[in-house]
């Protein structure tokens, strides 16, 4: 039975990280879920409407690229 705990200090449990590096899809999704707010904040773009008013929105293409990059780095990560 898998534990789905999240510590109070905001860190991912070691077993989740280890499972993600081994290619477990659920663990990779847990890592993506953990970092989704940070990825969304990195993906925010400032756009202007026809009246020159600024609007902030999440650039979905950039968000997807960051998620893909995170997945590739997770799979390349080696635990000593």
PDB file of N, CA and C in Angstrom:
ATOM      1  N   UNK A   1       0.846  -1.174   0.000  1.00  0.00           N
ATOM      2  CA  UNK A   1       0.000   0.000   0.000  1.00  0.00           C
ATOM      3  C   UNK A   1       0.892   1.237   0.000  1.00  0.00           C
ATOM      4  N   UNK A   2       0.621   2.139  -0.922  1.00  0.00           N
ATOM      5  CA  UNK A   2       1.435   3.343  -1.034  1.00  0.00           C
ATOM      6  C   UNK A   2       0.926   4.404  -0.074  1.00  0.00           C
ATOM      7  N   UNK A   3       1.895   5.070   0.545  1.00  0.00           N
ATOM      8  CA  UNK A   3       1.544   6.170   1.433  1.00  0.00           C
ATOM      9  C   UNK A   3       1.458   7.443   0.609  1.00  0.00           C
ATOM     10  N   UNK A   4       0.452   8.227   0.865  1.00  0.00           N
ATOM     11  CA  UNK A   4       0.295   9.503   0.171  1.00  0.00           C
ATOM     12  C   UNK A   4       0.359  10.612   1.210  1.00  0.00           C
ATOM     13  N   UNK A   5       1.508  10.715   1.838  1.00  0.00           N
ATOM     14  CA  UNK A   5       1.655  11.733   2.866  1.00  0.00           C
ATOM     15  C   UNK A   5       2.467  12.903   2.334  1.00  0.00           C
ATOM     16  N   UNK A   6       2.193  14.040   2.874  1.00  0.00           N
ATOM     17  CA  UNK A   6       2.963  15.235   2.547  1.00  0.00           C
ATOM     18  C   UNK A   6       3.380  15.854   3.871  1.00  0.00           C
ATOM     19  N   UNK A   7       4.638  16.060   4.019  1.00  0.00           N
ATOM     20  CA  UNK A   7       5.150  16.574   5.282  1.00  0.00           C
ATOM     21  C   UNK A   7       4.784  18.041   5.459  1.00  0.00           C
ATOM     22  N   UNK A   8       4.828  18.467   6.712  1.00  0.00           N
ATOM     23  CA  UNK A   8       4.491  19.847   7.032  1.00  0.00           C
ATOM     24  C   UNK A   8       5.540  20.823   6.520  1.00  0.00           C
ATOM     25  N   UNK A   9       6.770  20.347   6.285  1.00  0.00           N
ATOM     26  CA  UNK A   9       7.831  21.248   5.851  1.00  0.00           C
ATOM     27  C   UNK A   9       7.799  21.499   4.350  1.00  0.00           C
ATOM     28  N   UNK A  10       6.859  20.921   3.624  1.00  0.00           N
ATOM     29  CA  UNK A  10       6.698  21.200   2.207  1.00  0.00           C
ATOM     30  C   UNK A  10       7.576  20.381   1.290  1.00  0.00           C
ATOM     31  N   UNK A  11       8.314  19.430   1.820  1.00  0.00           N
ATOM     32  CA  UNK A  11       9.178  18.602   0.989  1.00  0.00           C
ATOM     33  C   UNK A  11       8.452  17.340   0.548  1.00  0.00           C
ATOM     34  N   UNK A  12       8.838  16.844  -0.609  1.00  0.00           N
ATOM     35  CA  UNK A  12       8.304  15.563  -1.069  1.00  0.00           C
ATOM     36  C   UNK A  12       8.981  14.438  -0.296  1.00  0.00           C
ATOM     37  N   UNK A  13       8.251  13.385   0.026  1.00  0.00           N
ATOM     38  CA  UNK A  13       8.877  12.248   0.699  1.00  0.00           C
ATOM     39  C   UNK A  13       9.911  11.568  -0.205  1.00  0.00           C
ATOM     40  N   UNK A  14      10.923  10.980   0.422  1.00  0.00           N
ATOM     41  CA  UNK A  14      11.998  10.346  -0.329  1.00  0.00           C
ATOM     42  C   UNK A  14      11.471   9.227  -1.216  1.00  0.00           C
ATOM     43  N   UNK A  15      10.536   8.433  -0.711  1.00  0.00           N
ATOM     44  CA  UNK A  15      10.036   7.302  -1.508  1.00  0.00           C
ATOM     45  C   UNK A  15       9.334   7.781  -2.777  1.00  0.00           C
ATOM     46  N   UNK A  16       8.725   8.958  -2.738  1.00  0.00           N
ATOM     47  CA  UNK A  16       8.095   9.517  -3.937  1.00  0.00           C
ATOM     48  C   UNK A  16       9.147   9.925  -4.953  1.00  0.00           C
ATOM     49  N   UNK A  17      10.214  10.560  -4.474  1.00  0.00           N
ATOM     50  CA  UNK A  17      11.299  10.974  -5.369  1.00  0.00           C
ATOM     51  C   UNK A  17      11.969   9.757  -5.985  1.00  0.00           C
ATOM     52  N   UNK A  18      12.236   8.743  -5.169  1.00  0.00           N
ATOM     53  CA  UNK A  18      12.882   7.526  -5.670  1.00  0.00           C
ATOM     54  C   UNK A  18      12.008   6.837  -6.704  1.00  0.00           C
ATOM     55  N   UNK A  19      10.714   6.731  -6.429  1.00  0.00           N
ATOM     56  CA  UNK A  19       9.799   6.096  -7.381  1.00  0.00           C
ATOM     57  C   UNK A  19       9.710   6.898  -8.677  1.00  0.00           C
ATOM     58  N   UNK A  20       9.742   8.212  -8.580  1.00  0.00           N
ATOM     59  CA  UNK A  20       9.676   9.051  -9.782  1.00  0.00           C
ATOM     60  C   UNK A  20      10.919   8.865 -10.644  1.00  0.00           C
ATOM     61  N   UNK A  21      12.088   8.752 -10.024  1.00  0.00           N
ATOM     62  CA  UNK A  21      13.316   8.558 -10.798  1.00  0.00           C
ATOM     63  C   UNK A  21      13.345   7.191 -11.462  1.00  0.00           C
ATOM     64  N   UNK A  22      12.584   6.249 -10.923  1.00  0.00           N
ATOM     65  CA  UNK A  22      12.496   4.913 -11.519  1.00  0.00           C
ATOM     66  C   UNK A  22      11.418   4.837 -12.593  1.00  0.00           C
ATOM     67  N   UNK A  23      10.673   5.922 -12.806  1.00  0.00           N
ATOM     68  CA  UNK A  23       9.696   5.966 -13.887  1.00  0.00           C
ATOM     69  C   UNK A  23       8.261   5.710 -13.485  1.00  0.00           C
ATOM     70  N   UNK A  24       7.961   5.675 -12.191  1.00  0.00           N
ATOM     71  CA  UNK A  24       6.589   5.466 -11.732  1.00  0.00           C
ATOM     72  C   UNK A  24       5.735   6.681 -12.115  1.00  0.00           C
ATOM     73  N   UNK A  25       4.698   6.443 -12.895  1.00  0.00           N
ATOM     74  CA  UNK A  25       3.869   7.527 -13.431  1.00  0.00           C
ATOM     75  C   UNK A  25       3.159   8.289 -12.313  1.00  0.00           C
ATOM     76  N   UNK A  26       2.641   7.581 -11.324  1.00  0.00           N
ATOM     77  CA  UNK A  26       1.951   8.248 -10.217  1.00  0.00           C
ATOM     78  C   UNK A  26       2.902   9.134  -9.427  1.00  0.00           C
ATOM     79  N   UNK A  27       4.125   8.677  -9.232  1.00  0.00           N
ATOM     80  CA  UNK A  27       5.111   9.471  -8.495  1.00  0.00           C
ATOM     81  C   UNK A  27       5.519  10.705  -9.298  1.00  0.00           C
ATOM     82  N   UNK A  28       5.678  10.549 -10.604  1.00  0.00           N
ATOM     83  CA  UNK A  28       6.012  11.703 -11.448  1.00  0.00           C
ATOM     84  C   UNK A  28       4.876  12.717 -11.408  1.00  0.00           C
ATOM     85  N   UNK A  29       3.638  12.238 -11.442  1.00  0.00           N
ATOM     86  CA  UNK A  29       2.494  13.145 -11.343  1.00  0.00           C
ATOM     87  C   UNK A  29       2.456  13.846  -9.987  1.00  0.00           C
ATOM     88  N   UNK A  30       2.877  13.143  -8.921  1.00  0.00           N
ATOM     89  CA  UNK A  30       2.932  13.765  -7.596  1.00  0.00           C
ATOM     90  C   UNK A  30       3.975  14.880  -7.563  1.00  0.00           C
ATOM     91  N   UNK A  31       5.111  14.661  -8.220  1.00  0.00           N
ATOM     92  CA  UNK A  31       6.147  15.700  -8.285  1.00  0.00           C
ATOM     93  C   UNK A  31       5.635  16.892  -9.093  1.00  0.00           C
ATOM     94  N   UNK A  32       4.982  16.625 -10.219  1.00  0.00           N
ATOM     95  CA  UNK A  32       4.417  17.712 -11.025  1.00  0.00           C
ATOM     96  C   UNK A  32       3.366  18.494 -10.236  1.00  0.00           C
ATOM     97  N   UNK A  33       2.545  17.786  -9.480  1.00  0.00           N
ATOM     98  CA  UNK A  33       1.521  18.437  -8.658  1.00  0.00           C
ATOM     99  C   UNK A  33       2.177  19.312  -7.593  1.00  0.00           C
ATOM    100  N   UNK A  34       3.287  18.820  -7.028  1.00  0.00           N
ATOM    101  CA  UNK A  34       4.005  19.569  -6.001  1.00  0.00           C
ATOM    102  C   UNK A  34       4.536  20.891  -6.551  1.00  0.00           C
ATOM    103  N   UNK A  35       5.012  20.871  -7.784  1.00  0.00           N
ATOM    104  CA  UNK A  35       5.627  22.051  -8.382  1.00  0.00           C
ATOM    105  C   UNK A  35       4.697  22.840  -9.300  1.00  0.00           C
ATOM    106  N   UNK A  36       3.415  22.492  -9.388  1.00  0.00           N
ATOM    107  CA  UNK A  36       2.537  23.154 -10.343  1.00  0.00           C
ATOM    108  C   UNK A  36       2.366  24.647 -10.070  1.00  0.00           C
ATOM    109  N   UNK A  37       2.331  25.052  -8.827  1.00  0.00           N
ATOM    110  CA  UNK A  37       2.211  26.474  -8.514  1.00  0.00           C
ATOM    111  C   UNK A  37       3.444  27.254  -8.923  1.00  0.00           C
ATOM    112  N   UNK A  38       4.609  26.672  -8.675  1.00  0.00           N
ATOM    113  CA  UNK A  38       5.862  27.325  -9.051  1.00  0.00           C
ATOM    114  C   UNK A  38       5.980  27.425 -10.570  1.00  0.00           C
ATOM    115  N   UNK A  39       5.615  26.350 -11.263  1.00  0.00           N
ATOM    116  CA  UNK A  39       5.665  26.360 -12.728  1.00  0.00           C
ATOM    117  C   UNK A  39       4.685  27.393 -13.281  1.00  0.00           C
ATOM    118  N   UNK A  40       3.504  27.480 -12.690  1.00  0.00           N
ATOM    119  CA  UNK A  40       2.521  28.469 -13.152  1.00  0.00           C
ATOM    120  C   UNK A  40       3.031  29.890 -12.927  1.00  0.00           C
ATOM    121  N   UNK A  41       3.701  30.119 -11.805  1.00  0.00           N
ATOM    122  CA  UNK A  41       4.219  31.471 -11.557  1.00  0.00           C
ATOM    123  C   UNK A  41       5.346  31.822 -12.519  1.00  0.00           C
ATOM    124  N   UNK A  42       6.128  30.833 -12.926  1.00  0.00           N
ATOM    125  CA  UNK A  42       7.177  31.083 -13.912  1.00  0.00           C
ATOM    126  C   UNK A  42       6.602  31.308 -15.307  1.00  0.00           C
ATOM    127  N   UNK A  43       5.392  30.815 -15.550  1.00  0.00           N
ATOM    128  CA  UNK A  43       4.783  30.877 -16.876  1.00  0.00           C
ATOM    129  C   UNK A  43       3.898  32.099 -17.092  1.00  0.00           C
ATOM    130  N   UNK A  44       3.804  32.975 -16.121  1.00  0.00           N
ATOM    131  CA  UNK A  44       2.927  34.143 -16.240  1.00  0.00           C
ATOM    132  C   UNK A  44       3.534  35.149 -17.212  1.00  0.00           C
ATOM    133  N   UNK A  45       2.690  35.621 -18.123  1.00  0.00           N
ATOM    134  CA  UNK A  45       3.091  36.620 -19.115  1.00  0.00           C
ATOM    135  C   UNK A  45       2.216  37.862 -18.953  1.00  0.00           C
ATOM    136  N   UNK A  46       2.806  38.996 -19.210  1.00  0.00           N
ATOM    137  CA  UNK A  46       2.077  40.261 -19.160  1.00  0.00           C
ATOM    138  C   UNK A  46       1.663  40.623 -20.581  1.00  0.00           C
ATOM    139  N   UNK A  47       0.362  40.685 -20.821  1.00  0.00           N
ATOM    140  CA  UNK A  47      -0.181  41.024 -22.133  1.00  0.00           C
ATOM    141  C   UNK A  47      -0.963  42.326 -22.027  1.00  0.00           C
ATOM    142  N   UNK A  48      -1.068  43.022 -23.136  1.00  0.00           N
ATOM    143  CA  UNK A  48      -1.796  44.287 -23.175  1.00  0.00           C
ATOM    144  C   UNK A  48      -2.988  44.160 -24.115  1.00  0.00           C
ATOM    145  N   UNK A  49      -4.135  44.708 -23.688  1.00  0.00           N
ATOM    146  CA  UNK A  49      -5.309  44.700 -24.553  1.00  0.00           C
ATOM    147  C   UNK A  49      -5.268  45.898 -25.498  1.00  0.00           C
ATOM    148  N   UNK A  50      -6.348  46.068 -26.281  1.00  0.00           N
ATOM    149  CA  UNK A  50      -6.365  47.128 -27.293  1.00  0.00           C
ATOM    150  C   UNK A  50      -6.365  48.533 -26.686  1.00  0.00           C
ATOM    151  N   UNK A  51      -6.658  48.652 -25.389  1.00  0.00           N
ATOM    152  CA  UNK A  51      -6.651  49.952 -24.715  1.00  0.00           C
ATOM    153  C   UNK A  51      -5.351  50.204 -23.950  1.00  0.00           C
ATOM    154  N   UNK A  52      -4.414  49.280 -24.060  1.00  0.00           N
ATOM    155  CA  UNK A  52      -3.132  49.437 -23.387  1.00  0.00           C
ATOM    156  C   UNK A  52      -3.122  48.990 -21.939  1.00  0.00           C
ATOM    157  N   UNK A  53      -4.194  48.343 -21.499  1.00  0.00           N
ATOM    158  CA  UNK A  53      -4.266  47.866 -20.123  1.00  0.00           C
ATOM    159  C   UNK A  53      -3.527  46.532 -19.997  1.00  0.00           C
ATOM    160  N   UNK A  54      -2.684  46.396 -18.982  1.00  0.00           N
ATOM    161  CA  UNK A  54      -1.959  45.128 -18.824  1.00  0.00           C
ATOM    162  C   UNK A  54      -2.848  44.040 -18.219  1.00  0.00           C
ATOM    163  N   UNK A  55      -2.663  42.826 -18.688  1.00  0.00           N
ATOM    164  CA  UNK A  55      -3.342  41.647 -18.159  1.00  0.00           C
ATOM    165  C   UNK A  55      -2.301  40.551 -18.008  1.00  0.00           C
ATOM    166  N   UNK A  56      -2.410  39.803 -16.939  1.00  0.00           N
ATOM    167  CA  UNK A  56      -1.486  38.709 -16.689  1.00  0.00           C
ATOM    168  C   UNK A  56      -2.206  37.395 -16.947  1.00  0.00           C
ATOM    169  N   UNK A  57      -1.543  36.505 -17.659  1.00  0.00           N
ATOM    170  CA  UNK A  57      -2.122  35.190 -17.907  1.00  0.00           C
ATOM    171  C   UNK A  57      -0.995  34.165 -17.978  1.00  0.00           C
ATOM    172  N   UNK A  58      -1.369  32.908 -17.790  1.00  0.00           N
ATOM    173  CA  UNK A  58      -0.400  31.819 -17.843  1.00  0.00           C
ATOM    174  C   UNK A  58      -0.215  31.412 -19.296  1.00  0.00           C
ATOM    175  N   UNK A  59       1.021  31.422 -19.748  1.00  0.00           N
ATOM    176  CA  UNK A  59       1.363  30.975 -21.093  1.00  0.00           C
ATOM    177  C   UNK A  59       1.397  29.444 -21.062  1.00  0.00           C
ATOM    178  N   UNK A  60       0.366  28.822 -21.638  1.00  0.00           N
ATOM    179  CA  UNK A  60       0.231  27.366 -21.571  1.00  0.00           C
ATOM    180  C   UNK A  60       1.362  26.641 -22.294  1.00  0.00           C
ATOM    181  N   UNK A  61       1.866  27.224 -23.366  1.00  0.00           N
ATOM    182  CA  UNK A  61       2.979  26.603 -24.089  1.00  0.00           C
ATOM    183  C   UNK A  61       4.221  26.573 -23.217  1.00  0.00           C
ATOM    184  N   UNK A  62       4.518  27.674 -22.568  1.00  0.00           N
ATOM    185  CA  UNK A  62       5.679  27.733 -21.682  1.00  0.00           C
ATOM    186  C   UNK A  62       5.494  26.812 -20.486  1.00  0.00           C
ATOM    187  N   UNK A  63       4.278  26.762 -19.937  1.00  0.00           N
ATOM    188  CA  UNK A  63       4.003  25.875 -18.799  1.00  0.00           C
ATOM    189  C   UNK A  63       4.248  24.421 -19.177  1.00  0.00           C
ATOM    190  N   UNK A  64       3.783  24.024 -20.352  1.00  0.00           N
ATOM    191  CA  UNK A  64       3.966  22.647 -20.812  1.00  0.00           C
ATOM    192  C   UNK A  64       5.448  22.347 -21.051  1.00  0.00           C
ATOM    193  N   UNK A  65       6.179  23.319 -21.593  1.00  0.00           N
ATOM    194  CA  UNK A  65       7.615  23.128 -21.819  1.00  0.00           C
ATOM    195  C   UNK A  65       8.358  22.944 -20.498  1.00  0.00           C
ATOM    196  N   UNK A  66       7.979  23.722 -19.473  1.00  0.00           N
ATOM    197  CA  UNK A  66       8.617  23.578 -18.166  1.00  0.00           C
ATOM    198  C   UNK A  66       8.290  22.231 -17.531  1.00  0.00           C
ATOM    199  N   UNK A  67       7.049  21.778 -17.680  1.00  0.00           N
ATOM    200  CA  UNK A  67       6.674  20.464 -17.154  1.00  0.00           C
ATOM    201  C   UNK A  67       7.446  19.356 -17.860  1.00  0.00           C
ATOM    202  N   UNK A  68       7.587  19.458 -19.174  1.00  0.00           N
ATOM    203  CA  UNK A  68       8.333  18.458 -19.934  1.00  0.00           C
ATOM    204  C   UNK A  68       9.793  18.439 -19.509  1.00  0.00           C
ATOM    205  N   UNK A  69      10.365  19.608 -19.306  1.00  0.00           N
ATOM    206  CA  UNK A  69      11.756  19.702 -18.867  1.00  0.00           C
ATOM    207  C   UNK A  69      11.927  19.080 -17.481  1.00  0.00           C
ATOM    208  N   UNK A  70      10.971  19.319 -16.586  1.00  0.00           N
ATOM    209  CA  UNK A  70      11.027  18.730 -15.250  1.00  0.00           C
ATOM    210  C   UNK A  70      10.947  17.211 -15.325  1.00  0.00           C
ATOM    211  N   UNK A  71      10.076  16.681 -16.172  1.00  0.00           N
ATOM    212  CA  UNK A  71       9.950  15.228 -16.310  1.00  0.00           C
ATOM    213  C   UNK A  71      11.250  14.621 -16.815  1.00  0.00           C
ATOM    214  N   UNK A  72      11.876  15.237 -17.806  1.00  0.00           N
ATOM    215  CA  UNK A  72      13.138  14.688 -18.324  1.00  0.00           C
ATOM    216  C   UNK A  72      14.227  14.741 -17.264  1.00  0.00           C
ATOM    217  N   UNK A  73      14.268  15.793 -16.462  1.00  0.00           N
ATOM    218  CA  UNK A  73      15.277  15.884 -15.402  1.00  0.00           C
ATOM    219  C   UNK A  73      15.001  14.890 -14.281  1.00  0.00           C
ATOM    220  N   UNK A  74      13.731  14.623 -14.003  1.00  0.00           N
ATOM    221  CA  UNK A  74      13.389  13.611 -12.997  1.00  0.00           C
ATOM    222  C   UNK A  74      13.910  12.253 -13.439  1.00  0.00           C
ATOM    223  N   UNK A  75      13.674  11.907 -14.695  1.00  0.00           N
ATOM    224  CA  UNK A  75      14.083  10.594 -15.193  1.00  0.00           C
ATOM    225  C   UNK A  75      15.599  10.478 -15.321  1.00  0.00           C
ATOM    226  N   UNK A  76      16.304  11.594 -15.516  1.00  0.00           N
ATOM    227  CA  UNK A  76      17.767  11.575 -15.593  1.00  0.00           C
ATOM    228  C   UNK A  76      18.430  11.609 -14.220  1.00  0.00           C
ATOM    229  N   UNK A  77      17.672  11.954 -13.182  1.00  0.00           N
ATOM    230  CA  UNK A  77      18.227  12.119 -11.839  1.00  0.00           C
ATOM    231  C   UNK A  77      18.671  10.771 -11.285  1.00  0.00           C
ATOM    232  N   UNK A  78      19.869  10.750 -10.705  1.00  0.00           N
ATOM    233  CA  UNK A  78      20.397   9.523 -10.102  1.00  0.00           C
ATOM    234  C   UNK A  78      20.537   9.722  -8.605  1.00  0.00           C
ATOM    235  N   UNK A  79      20.015   8.775  -7.851  1.00  0.00           N
ATOM    236  CA  UNK A  79      20.136   8.806  -6.394  1.00  0.00           C
ATOM    237  C   UNK A  79      21.352   7.977  -6.021  1.00  0.00           C
ATOM    238  N   UNK A  80      22.251   8.581  -5.278  1.00  0.00           N
ATOM    239  CA  UNK A  80      23.516   7.920  -4.933  1.00  0.00           C
ATOM    240  C   UNK A  80      23.331   6.802  -3.956  1.00  0.00           C
TER     241      UNK A  80
END
